[in-house]
Amino acid sequence: MFDFSQYINYLGYMDKKKALSALAALGQETRLDVFRLLVRLAPEGLPAGEIAQRLGVVQNTMSAHLAVLARAGLVSADRQGRVIKYAAGFANMRELLSFLMQDCCQGAPDICVPLLDLVICNQKSGEL
């Protein structure tokens, strides 16, 4: 039998309010594109202006999207002089995935193993 506890101990859970905030943030096309871009470029991240340019979004609109993602804990911001560099918030994304899978499989957690392995397989490299 598969030992599901190793995943629970690693991942941890978020509360429902925080999960709803994260899901709402990702429920908009541009914000989902931003998050996926930052996941691909982890762990370095990108300056806000470069994110806007790559996705073809006006900078002030991008700033609003990044603020929503930051409030949801899905991106972190690091000011470097006059530039703010954003990176994906993997810890909160893992918590969200764990929250969604918390009651998975009605007592047969081995059904979820392939998904859980996918979520944590690259944890040492900073990727989901």
C-alpha atoms as a PDB file:
ATOM      1  CA  MET A   1       0.000   0.000   0.000  1.00  0.00           C
ATOM      2  CA  PHE A   2       1.196   3.496  -0.845  1.00  0.00           C
ATOM      3  CA  ASP A   3       2.166   5.773   2.072  1.00  0.00           C
ATOM      4  CA  PHE A   4       0.222   8.963   1.358  1.00  0.00           C
ATOM      5  CA  SER A   5       1.492  10.663   4.546  1.00  0.00           C
ATOM      6  CA  GLN A   6       4.833  11.561   2.948  1.00  0.00           C
ATOM      7  CA  TYR A   7       2.972  13.905   0.595  1.00  0.00           C
ATOM      8  CA  ILE A   8       0.741  15.384   3.274  1.00  0.00           C
ATOM      9  CA  ASN A   9       3.683  16.114   5.538  1.00  0.00           C
ATOM     10  CA  TYR A  10       5.578  17.816   2.732  1.00  0.00           C
ATOM     11  CA  LEU A  11       2.768  19.779   1.163  1.00  0.00           C
ATOM     12  CA  GLY A  12       0.633  21.128   3.982  1.00  0.00           C
ATOM     13  CA  TYR A  13      -2.794  22.629   3.374  1.00  0.00           C
ATOM     14  CA  MET A  14      -4.253  26.082   2.955  1.00  0.00           C
ATOM     15  CA  ASP A  15      -7.631  27.179   4.234  1.00  0.00           C
ATOM     16  CA  LYS A  16     -10.668  27.540   2.002  1.00  0.00           C
ATOM     17  CA  LYS A  17     -10.565  31.362   1.893  1.00  0.00           C
ATOM     18  CA  LYS A  18      -6.948  31.381   0.727  1.00  0.00           C
ATOM     19  CA  ALA A  19      -7.698  28.649  -1.842  1.00  0.00           C
ATOM     20  CA  LEU A  20     -10.610  30.653  -3.241  1.00  0.00           C
ATOM     21  CA  SER A  21      -8.386  33.715  -3.545  1.00  0.00           C
ATOM     22  CA  ALA A  22      -5.743  31.743  -5.453  1.00  0.00           C
ATOM     23  CA  LEU A  23      -8.301  30.103  -7.744  1.00  0.00           C
ATOM     24  CA  ALA A  24      -9.946  33.461  -8.461  1.00  0.00           C
ATOM     25  CA  ALA A  25      -6.558  34.968  -9.297  1.00  0.00           C
ATOM     26  CA  LEU A  26      -5.797  32.153 -11.733  1.00  0.00           C
ATOM     27  CA  GLY A  27      -9.324  32.278 -13.168  1.00  0.00           C
ATOM     28  CA  GLN A  28      -8.454  35.165 -15.476  1.00  0.00           C
ATOM     29  CA  GLU A  29      -6.633  34.496 -18.764  1.00  0.00           C
ATOM     30  CA  THR A  30      -3.830  37.055 -18.469  1.00  0.00           C
ATOM     31  CA  ARG A  31      -3.064  36.175 -14.858  1.00  0.00           C
ATOM     32  CA  LEU A  32      -2.958  32.477 -15.709  1.00  0.00           C
ATOM     33  CA  ASP A  33      -0.555  33.276 -18.564  1.00  0.00           C
ATOM     34  CA  VAL A  34       1.622  35.329 -16.189  1.00  0.00           C
ATOM     35  CA  PHE A  35       1.780  32.551 -13.628  1.00  0.00           C
ATOM     36  CA  ARG A  36       2.621  29.914 -16.227  1.00  0.00           C
ATOM     37  CA  LEU A  37       5.337  32.154 -17.703  1.00  0.00           C
ATOM     38  CA  LEU A  38       6.900  32.658 -14.270  1.00  0.00           C
ATOM     39  CA  VAL A  39       6.739  28.919 -13.562  1.00  0.00           C
ATOM     40  CA  ARG A  40       8.638  28.250 -16.789  1.00  0.00           C
ATOM     41  CA  LEU A  41      11.287  30.833 -15.880  1.00  0.00           C
ATOM     42  CA  ALA A  42      11.726  29.782 -12.254  1.00  0.00           C
ATOM     43  CA  PRO A  43      13.524  30.527 -10.119  1.00  0.00           C
ATOM     44  CA  GLU A  44      14.831  33.733 -11.747  1.00  0.00           C
ATOM     45  CA  GLY A  45      11.519  35.457 -12.518  1.00  0.00           C
ATOM     46  CA  LEU A  46      11.137  38.578 -14.631  1.00  0.00           C
ATOM     47  CA  PRO A  47      10.718  42.326 -14.225  1.00  0.00           C
ATOM     48  CA  ALA A  48       7.106  43.511 -14.537  1.00  0.00           C
ATOM     49  CA  GLY A  49       7.814  45.403 -17.754  1.00  0.00           C
ATOM     50  CA  GLU A  50       9.299  42.359 -19.431  1.00  0.00           C
ATOM     51  CA  ILE A  51       6.327  40.212 -18.396  1.00  0.00           C
ATOM     52  CA  ALA A  52       4.008  42.804 -19.947  1.00  0.00           C
ATOM     53  CA  GLN A  53       6.072  42.909 -23.126  1.00  0.00           C
ATOM     54  CA  ARG A  54       6.252  39.130 -23.534  1.00  0.00           C
ATOM     55  CA  LEU A  55       2.501  38.776 -23.076  1.00  0.00           C
ATOM     56  CA  GLY A  56       1.549  41.875 -25.094  1.00  0.00           C
ATOM     57  CA  VAL A  57      -0.178  43.605 -22.189  1.00  0.00           C
ATOM     58  CA  VAL A  58      -0.043  47.322 -21.307  1.00  0.00           C
ATOM     59  CA  GLN A  59       2.261  47.845 -18.305  1.00  0.00           C
ATOM     60  CA  ASN A  60      -0.270  49.467 -15.981  1.00  0.00           C
ATOM     61  CA  THR A  61      -2.749  46.670 -16.717  1.00  0.00           C
ATOM     62  CA  MET A  62      -0.007  44.135 -16.011  1.00  0.00           C
ATOM     63  CA  SER A  63       0.719  45.832 -12.689  1.00  0.00           C
ATOM     64  CA  ALA A  64      -2.903  45.326 -11.659  1.00  0.00           C
ATOM     65  CA  HIS A  65      -2.749  41.635 -12.635  1.00  0.00           C
ATOM     66  CA  LEU A  66       0.520  41.127 -10.753  1.00  0.00           C
ATOM     67  CA  ALA A  67      -0.995  42.763  -7.661  1.00  0.00           C
ATOM     68  CA  VAL A  68      -3.885  40.271  -7.712  1.00  0.00           C
ATOM     69  CA  LEU A  69      -1.477  37.354  -8.059  1.00  0.00           C
ATOM     70  CA  ALA A  70       0.713  38.719  -5.263  1.00  0.00           C
ATOM     71  CA  ARG A  71      -2.257  39.133  -2.888  1.00  0.00           C
ATOM     72  CA  ALA A  72      -3.144  35.504  -3.586  1.00  0.00           C
ATOM     73  CA  GLY A  73       0.440  34.459  -2.785  1.00  0.00           C
ATOM     74  CA  LEU A  74       1.023  33.096  -6.283  1.00  0.00           C
ATOM     75  CA  VAL A  75       3.863  35.483  -7.119  1.00  0.00           C
ATOM     76  CA  SER A  76       6.491  37.230  -5.052  1.00  0.00           C
ATOM     77  CA  ALA A  77       7.946  40.649  -5.796  1.00  0.00           C
ATOM     78  CA  ASP A  78      11.546  41.680  -5.255  1.00  0.00           C
ATOM     79  CA  ARG A  79      12.488  45.323  -5.742  1.00  0.00           C
ATOM     80  CA  GLN A  80      15.890  45.720  -7.368  1.00  0.00           C
ATOM     81  CA  GLY A  81      16.490  49.456  -7.552  1.00  0.00           C
ATOM     82  CA  ARG A  82      13.790  50.911  -9.794  1.00  0.00           C
ATOM     83  CA  VAL A  83      12.753  47.509 -11.114  1.00  0.00           C
ATOM     84  CA  ILE A  84      10.360  45.063  -9.474  1.00  0.00           C
ATOM     85  CA  LYS A  85      11.112  41.472 -10.370  1.00  0.00           C
ATOM     86  CA  TYR A  86       8.359  38.867 -10.009  1.00  0.00           C
ATOM     87  CA  ALA A  87       8.721  35.129  -9.455  1.00  0.00           C
ATOM     88  CA  ALA A  88       6.232  32.280  -9.090  1.00  0.00           C
ATOM     89  CA  GLY A  89       5.117  31.484  -5.546  1.00  0.00           C
ATOM     90  CA  PHE A  90       5.626  27.727  -5.506  1.00  0.00           C
ATOM     91  CA  ALA A  91       4.926  27.209  -1.816  1.00  0.00           C
ATOM     92  CA  ASN A  92       1.399  28.608  -2.113  1.00  0.00           C
ATOM     93  CA  MET A  93       0.778  26.784  -5.370  1.00  0.00           C
ATOM     94  CA  ARG A  94       1.745  23.509  -3.717  1.00  0.00           C
ATOM     95  CA  GLU A  95      -0.562  24.325  -0.805  1.00  0.00           C
ATOM     96  CA  LEU A  96      -3.386  25.016  -3.256  1.00  0.00           C
ATOM     97  CA  LEU A  97      -2.854  21.725  -5.052  1.00  0.00           C
ATOM     98  CA  SER A  98      -2.703  19.939  -1.739  1.00  0.00           C
ATOM     99  CA  PHE A  99      -5.942  21.616  -0.610  1.00  0.00           C
ATOM    100  CA  LEU A 100      -7.666  20.483  -3.804  1.00  0.00           C
ATOM    101  CA  MET A 101      -6.421  16.914  -3.331  1.00  0.00           C
ATOM    102  CA  GLN A 102      -6.915  16.742   0.445  1.00  0.00           C
ATOM    103  CA  ASP A 103      -9.881  14.354   0.400  1.00  0.00           C
ATOM    104  CA  CYS A 104      -8.893  12.567  -2.775  1.00  0.00           C
ATOM    105  CA  CYS A 105      -9.823   9.071  -3.785  1.00  0.00           C
ATOM    106  CA  GLN A 106     -12.138   7.997  -0.942  1.00  0.00           C
ATOM    107  CA  GLY A 107      -9.552   5.990   0.948  1.00  0.00           C
ATOM    108  CA  ALA A 108      -7.545   4.834  -2.062  1.00  0.00           C
ATOM    109  CA  PRO A 109      -4.757   7.442  -2.215  1.00  0.00           C
ATOM    110  CA  ASP A 110      -2.699   5.298  -4.591  1.00  0.00           C
ATOM    111  CA  ILE A 111      -5.044   6.555  -7.331  1.00  0.00           C
ATOM    112  CA  CYS A 112      -3.607  10.059  -6.821  1.00  0.00           C
ATOM    113  CA  VAL A 113       0.048   9.033  -6.817  1.00  0.00           C
ATOM    114  CA  PRO A 114       0.760   9.913 -10.471  1.00  0.00           C
ATOM    115  CA  LEU A 115      -0.586  13.438  -9.985  1.00  0.00           C
ATOM    116  CA  LEU A 116       1.200  13.930  -6.679  1.00  0.00           C
ATOM    117  CA  ASP A 117       4.462  12.675  -8.148  1.00  0.00           C
ATOM    118  CA  LEU A 118       4.077  15.192 -10.946  1.00  0.00           C
ATOM    119  CA  VAL A 119       3.467  18.039  -8.492  1.00  0.00           C
ATOM    120  CA  ILE A 120       6.511  17.392  -6.313  1.00  0.00           C
ATOM    121  CA  CYS A 121       8.902  15.602  -8.666  1.00  0.00           C
ATOM    122  CA  ASN A 122      11.062  18.677  -9.283  1.00  0.00           C
ATOM    123  CA  GLN A 123      10.895  20.249  -5.820  1.00  0.00           C
ATOM    124  CA  LYS A 124      14.684  20.601  -5.546  1.00  0.00           C
ATOM    125  CA  SER A 125      14.961  22.583  -8.779  1.00  0.00           C
ATOM    126  CA  GLY A 126      12.259  25.106  -7.831  1.00  0.00           C
ATOM    127  CA  GLU A 127       9.765  23.819 -10.370  1.00  0.00           C
ATOM    128  CA  LEU A 128       6.263  22.518  -9.811  1.00  0.00           C
END
